[in-house]
């Protein structure tokens, strides 16, 4: 795992990472509740959006240094 740090994007990356794990936690805990129509999509949507943002942020940070995509998740 390579660490690519850009001070301008570091804070936003931390926020998106927390959002990703909170979305994952809600997805896991919502599976304990009997599902309704669209219930899974409601929790899976933010998880996928935060996953996409994490990859985008890492690519943006590492393109300045010369590294590639996010490969450790």
PDB file of N, CA and C in Angstrom:
ATOM      1  N   UNK A   1       0.850  -1.173   0.000  1.00  0.00           N
ATOM      2  CA  UNK A   1       0.000   0.000   0.000  1.00  0.00           C
ATOM      3  C   UNK A   1       0.894   1.234   0.000  1.00  0.00           C
ATOM      4  N   UNK A   2       0.626   2.110  -0.911  1.00  0.00           N
ATOM      5  CA  UNK A   2       1.389   3.352  -0.966  1.00  0.00           C
ATOM      6  C   UNK A   2       0.554   4.477  -0.381  1.00  0.00           C
ATOM      7  N   UNK A   3       1.192   5.351   0.332  1.00  0.00           N
ATOM      8  CA  UNK A   3       0.512   6.483   0.931  1.00  0.00           C
ATOM      9  C   UNK A   3       0.739   7.714   0.070  1.00  0.00           C
ATOM     10  N   UNK A   4      -0.343   8.266  -0.435  1.00  0.00           N
ATOM     11  CA  UNK A   4      -0.279   9.469  -1.249  1.00  0.00           C
ATOM     12  C   UNK A   4      -1.019  10.561  -0.483  1.00  0.00           C
ATOM     13  N   UNK A   5      -0.336  11.589  -0.091  1.00  0.00           N
ATOM     14  CA  UNK A   5      -0.939  12.610   0.757  1.00  0.00           C
ATOM     15  C   UNK A   5      -0.906  13.950   0.042  1.00  0.00           C
ATOM     16  N   UNK A   6      -2.078  14.515  -0.131  1.00  0.00           N
ATOM     17  CA  UNK A   6      -2.229  15.863  -0.641  1.00  0.00           C
ATOM     18  C   UNK A   6      -3.037  16.603   0.414  1.00  0.00           C
ATOM     19  N   UNK A   7      -2.490  17.659   0.971  1.00  0.00           N
ATOM     20  CA  UNK A   7      -3.123  18.325   2.105  1.00  0.00           C
ATOM     21  C   UNK A   7      -4.490  18.905   1.757  1.00  0.00           C
ATOM     22  N   UNK A   8      -4.701  19.291   0.504  1.00  0.00           N
ATOM     23  CA  UNK A   8      -5.990  19.861   0.120  1.00  0.00           C
ATOM     24  C   UNK A   8      -7.102  18.821   0.143  1.00  0.00           C
ATOM     25  N   UNK A   9      -6.785  17.575  -0.218  1.00  0.00           N
ATOM     26  CA  UNK A   9      -7.804  16.535  -0.303  1.00  0.00           C
ATOM     27  C   UNK A   9      -7.829  15.606   0.900  1.00  0.00           C
ATOM     28  N   UNK A  10      -6.902  15.741   1.808  1.00  0.00           N
ATOM     29  CA  UNK A  10      -6.795  14.804   2.928  1.00  0.00           C
ATOM     30  C   UNK A  10      -8.027  14.852   3.830  1.00  0.00           C
ATOM     31  N   UNK A  11      -8.499  16.032   4.177  1.00  0.00           N
ATOM     32  CA  UNK A  11      -9.654  16.153   5.068  1.00  0.00           C
ATOM     33  C   UNK A  11     -10.902  15.568   4.410  1.00  0.00           C
ATOM     34  N   UNK A  12     -11.118  15.867   3.129  1.00  0.00           N
ATOM     35  CA  UNK A  12     -12.276  15.342   2.428  1.00  0.00           C
ATOM     36  C   UNK A  12     -12.190  13.824   2.308  1.00  0.00           C
ATOM     37  N   UNK A  13     -10.988  13.297   2.128  1.00  0.00           N
ATOM     38  CA  UNK A  13     -10.803  11.844   2.059  1.00  0.00           C
ATOM     39  C   UNK A  13     -11.177  11.178   3.376  1.00  0.00           C
ATOM     40  N   UNK A  14     -10.819  11.804   4.480  1.00  0.00           N
ATOM     41  CA  UNK A  14     -11.176  11.260   5.790  1.00  0.00           C
ATOM     42  C   UNK A  14     -12.691  11.268   5.969  1.00  0.00           C
ATOM     43  N   UNK A  15     -13.348  12.341   5.578  1.00  0.00           N
ATOM     44  CA  UNK A  15     -14.802  12.411   5.698  1.00  0.00           C
ATOM     45  C   UNK A  15     -15.484  11.339   4.856  1.00  0.00           C
ATOM     46  N   UNK A  16     -15.019  11.151   3.624  1.00  0.00           N
ATOM     47  CA  UNK A  16     -15.615  10.140   2.753  1.00  0.00           C
ATOM     48  C   UNK A  16     -15.360   8.735   3.306  1.00  0.00           C
ATOM     49  N   UNK A  17     -14.185   8.527   3.882  1.00  0.00           N
ATOM     50  CA  UNK A  17     -13.887   7.220   4.473  1.00  0.00           C
ATOM     51  C   UNK A  17     -14.813   6.934   5.649  1.00  0.00           C
ATOM     52  N   UNK A  18     -15.027   7.911   6.524  1.00  0.00           N
ATOM     53  CA  UNK A  18     -15.975   7.731   7.624  1.00  0.00           C
ATOM     54  C   UNK A  18     -17.381   7.487   7.094  1.00  0.00           C
ATOM     55  N   UNK A  19     -17.780   8.220   6.065  1.00  0.00           N
ATOM     56  CA  UNK A  19     -19.103   8.042   5.464  1.00  0.00           C
ATOM     57  C   UNK A  19     -19.247   6.634   4.904  1.00  0.00           C
ATOM     58  N   UNK A  20     -18.180   6.112   4.285  1.00  0.00           N
ATOM     59  CA  UNK A  20     -18.201   4.758   3.732  1.00  0.00           C
ATOM     60  C   UNK A  20     -18.445   3.732   4.836  1.00  0.00           C
ATOM     61  N   UNK A  21     -17.712   3.833   5.936  1.00  0.00           N
ATOM     62  CA  UNK A  21     -17.864   2.857   7.009  1.00  0.00           C
ATOM     63  C   UNK A  21     -19.185   3.010   7.751  1.00  0.00           C
ATOM     64  N   UNK A  22     -19.688   4.217   7.871  1.00  0.00           N
ATOM     65  CA  UNK A  22     -21.004   4.413   8.482  1.00  0.00           C
ATOM     66  C   UNK A  22     -22.084   3.824   7.586  1.00  0.00           C
ATOM     67  N   UNK A  23     -21.961   4.008   6.266  1.00  0.00           N
ATOM     68  CA  UNK A  23     -22.921   3.412   5.333  1.00  0.00           C
ATOM     69  C   UNK A  23     -22.867   1.892   5.397  1.00  0.00           C
ATOM     70  N   UNK A  24     -21.662   1.352   5.520  1.00  0.00           N
ATOM     71  CA  UNK A  24     -21.507  -0.096   5.647  1.00  0.00           C
ATOM     72  C   UNK A  24     -22.148  -0.600   6.939  1.00  0.00           C
ATOM     73  N   UNK A  25     -21.975   0.144   8.025  1.00  0.00           N
ATOM     74  CA  UNK A  25     -22.587  -0.225   9.293  1.00  0.00           C
ATOM     75  C   UNK A  25     -24.111  -0.206   9.193  1.00  0.00           C
ATOM     76  N   UNK A  26     -24.675   0.813   8.559  1.00  0.00           N
ATOM     77  CA  UNK A  26     -26.120   0.866   8.376  1.00  0.00           C
ATOM     78  C   UNK A  26     -26.618  -0.267   7.493  1.00  0.00           C
ATOM     79  N   UNK A  27     -25.839  -0.652   6.485  1.00  0.00           N
ATOM     80  CA  UNK A  27     -26.236  -1.759   5.621  1.00  0.00           C
ATOM     81  C   UNK A  27     -26.272  -3.067   6.408  1.00  0.00           C
ATOM     82  N   UNK A  28     -25.276  -3.279   7.253  1.00  0.00           N
ATOM     83  CA  UNK A  28     -25.227  -4.510   8.057  1.00  0.00           C
ATOM     84  C   UNK A  28     -26.345  -4.531   9.093  1.00  0.00           C
ATOM     85  N   UNK A  29     -26.543  -3.429   9.796  1.00  0.00           N
ATOM     86  CA  UNK A  29     -27.586  -3.410  10.821  1.00  0.00           C
ATOM     87  C   UNK A  29     -28.986  -3.411  10.219  1.00  0.00           C
ATOM     88  N   UNK A  30     -29.144  -2.902   9.008  1.00  0.00           N
ATOM     89  CA  UNK A  30     -30.470  -2.923   8.390  1.00  0.00           C
ATOM     90  C   UNK A  30     -30.850  -4.318   7.921  1.00  0.00           C
ATOM     91  N   UNK A  31     -29.875  -5.210   7.796  1.00  0.00           N
ATOM     92  CA  UNK A  31     -30.207  -6.575   7.398  1.00  0.00           C
ATOM     93  C   UNK A  31     -30.898  -7.329   8.529  1.00  0.00           C
ATOM     94  N   UNK A  32     -30.821  -6.810   9.750  1.00  0.00           N
ATOM     95  CA  UNK A  32     -31.518  -7.433  10.877  1.00  0.00           C
ATOM     96  C   UNK A  32     -33.008  -7.123  10.855  1.00  0.00           C
ATOM     97  N   UNK A  33     -33.375  -6.051  10.166  1.00  0.00           N
ATOM     98  CA  UNK A  33     -34.779  -5.634  10.061  1.00  0.00           C
ATOM     99  C   UNK A  33     -35.371  -6.312   8.832  1.00  0.00           C
ATOM    100  N   UNK A  34     -36.616  -6.801   8.904  1.00  0.00           N
ATOM    101  CA  UNK A  34     -37.229  -7.401   7.711  1.00  0.00           C
ATOM    102  C   UNK A  34     -37.253  -6.390   6.557  1.00  0.00           C
ATOM    103  N   UNK A  35     -36.759  -6.796   5.376  1.00  0.00           N
ATOM    104  CA  UNK A  35     -36.636  -5.846   4.266  1.00  0.00           C
ATOM    105  C   UNK A  35     -37.976  -5.449   3.662  1.00  0.00           C
ATOM    106  N   UNK A  36     -38.036  -4.227   3.221  1.00  0.00           N
ATOM    107  CA  UNK A  36     -39.181  -3.744   2.461  1.00  0.00           C
ATOM    108  C   UNK A  36     -38.689  -3.388   1.065  1.00  0.00           C
ATOM    109  N   UNK A  37     -39.599  -3.051   0.177  1.00  0.00           N
ATOM    110  CA  UNK A  37     -39.218  -2.741  -1.201  1.00  0.00           C
ATOM    111  C   UNK A  37     -38.350  -1.481  -1.235  1.00  0.00           C
ATOM    112  N   UNK A  38     -37.187  -1.591  -1.843  1.00  0.00           N
ATOM    113  CA  UNK A  38     -36.267  -0.473  -1.956  1.00  0.00           C
ATOM    114  C   UNK A  38     -35.407  -0.255  -0.730  1.00  0.00           C
ATOM    115  N   UNK A  39     -35.580  -1.094   0.285  1.00  0.00           N
ATOM    116  CA  UNK A  39     -34.833  -0.916   1.532  1.00  0.00           C
ATOM    117  C   UNK A  39     -33.336  -1.125   1.317  1.00  0.00           C
ATOM    118  N   UNK A  40     -32.975  -2.158   0.569  1.00  0.00           N
ATOM    119  CA  UNK A  40     -31.570  -2.443   0.307  1.00  0.00           C
ATOM    120  C   UNK A  40     -30.945  -1.348  -0.555  1.00  0.00           C
ATOM    121  N   UNK A  41     -31.680  -0.884  -1.562  1.00  0.00           N
ATOM    122  CA  UNK A  41     -31.169   0.188  -2.428  1.00  0.00           C
ATOM    123  C   UNK A  41     -30.940   1.472  -1.660  1.00  0.00           C
ATOM    124  N   UNK A  42     -31.778   1.715  -0.670  1.00  0.00           N
ATOM    125  CA  UNK A  42     -31.642   2.922   0.135  1.00  0.00           C
ATOM    126  C   UNK A  42     -30.307   2.949   0.868  1.00  0.00           C
ATOM    127  N   UNK A  43     -29.848   1.780   1.330  1.00  0.00           N
ATOM    128  CA  UNK A  43     -28.590   1.721   2.062  1.00  0.00           C
ATOM    129  C   UNK A  43     -27.402   1.399   1.167  1.00  0.00           C
ATOM    130  N   UNK A  44     -27.639   0.712   0.065  1.00  0.00           N
ATOM    131  CA  UNK A  44     -26.549   0.346  -0.828  1.00  0.00           C
ATOM    132  C   UNK A  44     -26.103   1.519  -1.695  1.00  0.00           C
ATOM    133  N   UNK A  45     -27.008   2.438  -2.012  1.00  0.00           N
ATOM    134  CA  UNK A  45     -26.679   3.598  -2.830  1.00  0.00           C
ATOM    135  C   UNK A  45     -25.575   4.463  -2.238  1.00  0.00           C
ATOM    136  N   UNK A  46     -25.731   4.940  -0.996  1.00  0.00           N
ATOM    137  CA  UNK A  46     -24.660   5.739  -0.388  1.00  0.00           C
ATOM    138  C   UNK A  46     -23.342   4.984  -0.255  1.00  0.00           C
ATOM    139  N   UNK A  47     -23.413   3.669  -0.018  1.00  0.00           N
ATOM    140  CA  UNK A  47     -22.198   2.870   0.089  1.00  0.00           C
ATOM    141  C   UNK A  47     -21.448   2.854  -1.242  1.00  0.00           C
ATOM    142  N   UNK A  48     -22.177   2.662  -2.337  1.00  0.00           N
ATOM    143  CA  UNK A  48     -21.539   2.646  -3.654  1.00  0.00           C
ATOM    144  C   UNK A  48     -21.014   4.020  -4.052  1.00  0.00           C
ATOM    145  N   UNK A  49     -21.741   5.068  -3.706  1.00  0.00           N
ATOM    146  CA  UNK A  49     -21.288   6.428  -4.019  1.00  0.00           C
ATOM    147  C   UNK A  49     -20.009   6.755  -3.250  1.00  0.00           C
ATOM    148  N   UNK A  50     -19.960   6.380  -1.970  1.00  0.00           N
ATOM    149  CA  UNK A  50     -18.750   6.660  -1.198  1.00  0.00           C
ATOM    150  C   UNK A  50     -17.577   5.815  -1.683  1.00  0.00           C
ATOM    151  N   UNK A  51     -17.836   4.579  -2.134  1.00  0.00           N
ATOM    152  CA  UNK A  51     -16.783   3.738  -2.711  1.00  0.00           C
ATOM    153  C   UNK A  51     -16.199   4.407  -3.959  1.00  0.00           C
ATOM    154  N   UNK A  52     -17.084   4.929  -4.811  1.00  0.00           N
ATOM    155  CA  UNK A  52     -16.647   5.611  -6.033  1.00  0.00           C
ATOM    156  C   UNK A  52     -15.834   6.856  -5.692  1.00  0.00           C
ATOM    157  N   UNK A  53     -16.292   7.619  -4.687  1.00  0.00           N
ATOM    158  CA  UNK A  53     -15.563   8.821  -4.280  1.00  0.00           C
ATOM    159  C   UNK A  53     -14.194   8.492  -3.694  1.00  0.00           C
ATOM    160  N   UNK A  54     -14.105   7.419  -2.921  1.00  0.00           N
ATOM    161  CA  UNK A  54     -12.806   7.014  -2.384  1.00  0.00           C
ATOM    162  C   UNK A  54     -11.827   6.685  -3.496  1.00  0.00           C
ATOM    163  N   UNK A  55     -12.289   5.931  -4.500  1.00  0.00           N
ATOM    164  CA  UNK A  55     -11.423   5.610  -5.627  1.00  0.00           C
ATOM    165  C   UNK A  55     -11.023   6.861  -6.397  1.00  0.00           C
ATOM    166  N   UNK A  56     -11.969   7.762  -6.601  1.00  0.00           N
ATOM    167  CA  UNK A  56     -11.694   8.996  -7.326  1.00  0.00           C
ATOM    168  C   UNK A  56     -10.699   9.876  -6.573  1.00  0.00           C
ATOM    169  N   UNK A  57     -10.893  10.007  -5.267  1.00  0.00           N
ATOM    170  CA  UNK A  57      -9.985  10.823  -4.462  1.00  0.00           C
ATOM    171  C   UNK A  57      -8.583  10.234  -4.441  1.00  0.00           C
ATOM    172  N   UNK A  58      -8.493   8.930  -4.308  1.00  0.00           N
ATOM    173  CA  UNK A  58      -7.173   8.305  -4.263  1.00  0.00           C
ATOM    174  C   UNK A  58      -6.465   8.457  -5.606  1.00  0.00           C
ATOM    175  N   UNK A  59      -7.207   8.313  -6.696  1.00  0.00           N
ATOM    176  CA  UNK A  59      -6.611   8.490  -8.019  1.00  0.00           C
ATOM    177  C   UNK A  59      -6.136   9.923  -8.213  1.00  0.00           C
ATOM    178  N   UNK A  60      -6.917  10.882  -7.719  1.00  0.00           N
ATOM    179  CA  UNK A  60      -6.547  12.298  -7.835  1.00  0.00           C
ATOM    180  C   UNK A  60      -5.303  12.602  -7.015  1.00  0.00           C
ATOM    181  N   UNK A  61      -5.251  12.072  -5.790  1.00  0.00           N
ATOM    182  CA  UNK A  61      -4.094  12.308  -4.930  1.00  0.00           C
ATOM    183  C   UNK A  61      -2.852  11.650  -5.501  1.00  0.00           C
ATOM    184  N   UNK A  62      -2.989  10.415  -5.966  1.00  0.00           N
ATOM    185  CA  UNK A  62      -1.819   9.659  -6.396  1.00  0.00           C
ATOM    186  C   UNK A  62      -1.370  10.034  -7.798  1.00  0.00           C
ATOM    187  N   UNK A  63      -2.223  10.635  -8.592  1.00  0.00           N
ATOM    188  CA  UNK A  63      -1.793  11.047  -9.928  1.00  0.00           C
ATOM    189  C   UNK A  63      -0.770  12.167  -9.843  1.00  0.00           C
ATOM    190  N   UNK A  64      -0.822  12.934  -8.760  1.00  0.00           N
ATOM    191  CA  UNK A  64       0.169  13.985  -8.576  1.00  0.00           C
ATOM    192  C   UNK A  64       1.542  13.413  -8.255  1.00  0.00           C
ATOM    193  N   UNK A  65       1.545  12.234  -7.614  1.00  0.00           N
ATOM    194  CA  UNK A  65       2.797  11.622  -7.191  1.00  0.00           C
ATOM    195  C   UNK A  65       3.258  10.554  -8.186  1.00  0.00           C
ATOM    196  N   UNK A  66       2.321  10.019  -8.980  1.00  0.00           N
ATOM    197  CA  UNK A  66       2.669   9.018  -9.973  1.00  0.00           C
ATOM    198  C   UNK A  66       2.246   7.613  -9.635  1.00  0.00           C
ATOM    199  N   UNK A  67       1.389   7.445  -8.625  1.00  0.00           N
ATOM    200  CA  UNK A  67       0.912   6.118  -8.270  1.00  0.00           C
ATOM    201  C   UNK A  67      -0.406   5.842  -8.976  1.00  0.00           C
ATOM    202  N   UNK A  68      -0.879   4.592  -8.857  1.00  0.00           N
ATOM    203  CA  UNK A  68      -2.087   4.173  -9.566  1.00  0.00           C
ATOM    204  C   UNK A  68      -3.332   4.211  -8.721  1.00  0.00           C
ATOM    205  N   UNK A  69      -4.267   3.324  -9.057  1.00  0.00           N
ATOM    206  CA  UNK A  69      -5.572   3.263  -8.406  1.00  0.00           C
ATOM    207  C   UNK A  69      -5.488   2.748  -6.983  1.00  0.00           C
ATOM    208  N   UNK A  70      -6.606   2.913  -6.291  1.00  0.00           N
ATOM    209  CA  UNK A  70      -6.733   2.397  -4.939  1.00  0.00           C
ATOM    210  C   UNK A  70      -6.759   0.869  -4.998  1.00  0.00           C
ATOM    211  N   UNK A  71      -5.742   0.224  -4.444  1.00  0.00           N
ATOM    212  CA  UNK A  71      -5.642  -1.219  -4.587  1.00  0.00           C
ATOM    213  C   UNK A  71      -5.727  -1.955  -3.257  1.00  0.00           C
ATOM    214  N   UNK A  72      -5.803  -1.257  -2.152  1.00  0.00           N
ATOM    215  CA  UNK A  72      -5.765  -1.928  -0.863  1.00  0.00           C
ATOM    216  C   UNK A  72      -7.130  -2.198  -0.278  1.00  0.00           C
ATOM    217  N   UNK A  73      -8.210  -1.707  -0.919  1.00  0.00           N
ATOM    218  CA  UNK A  73      -9.560  -2.000  -0.402  1.00  0.00           C
ATOM    219  C   UNK A  73     -10.128  -3.158  -1.180  1.00  0.00           C
TER     220      UNK A  73
END
